[in-house]
């Protein structure tokens, strides 16, 4: 019996570059598309010339050799091959590099995207790259006293570590706070040169010994959902399942939803 083929892995950088090169039209780059071309699309030396790179070095990249590819070199390839925004984003993603010219990372998503939290039947909010809330619904405002219920500071980390309401609201505050810091560190790795994030971290290190201790452990965790329990001053013990999603087209923003869940004794 013939075995089914395994699921193909994601394209490597070398395979993606070759696919890009082969689907380019020489005519669009002012090159002759004569009968002597033995391969579809552009030749490697043509790509290297268009991108201002060494032919040998570009060839090594496409061959998958162990060479270091900088973000600036990837930017040259993206410009030289006139990649679309989606192709450029994928090029940097598959190379494991951050695009220094990524457009719009400081812009807000359109209002209709932010407004999606109003349609969610449960506490929901959207965080930006510094983990400051940009939009939340009425149920989130009622749940998070001292954070989303007034006109004050909207940063989640400042709320957790600097507001006394957070320590009484969040059940098992110490372990949750440590996990949040590890998730934040992982999330902002790509923004190590962002002055807003560096300023936030330094401010919290000075203002909160608990944050400094959590930060100095160097913990790194993926931001995941799961059970969340809150001890609300008026609504009592509340159980939720947290779901977090990235917004398509706006990778610096993340939607968090808290879906009602039964308490352990009711399961």
Foldseek 3Di string as FASTA:
>chain_A
DDDDDDDDDDDALLRLVVVLQQPADLVVVVHDPDPVDPGHHHDLVLLCVLLVHDSVVSVCVNVVHPDDDDLVSLVSSCVSSVPDLVSSVVSCVNNVADNPPNPDLVPDDDPVVQCVQQVDPFWKFKAFLLQFTPHTYPRVLQLLPPANVDDDGRHPLCCLFPPPSNVQWFPPSLVVNLVVLQQSCQSCVNVPVPPVNVVVLVVCVVVGVSSVVSVVVNHHDHDAWAWTWTQGPPPGIFIWIKHKDADVPRRRMIMIGTHGDDDPVVD
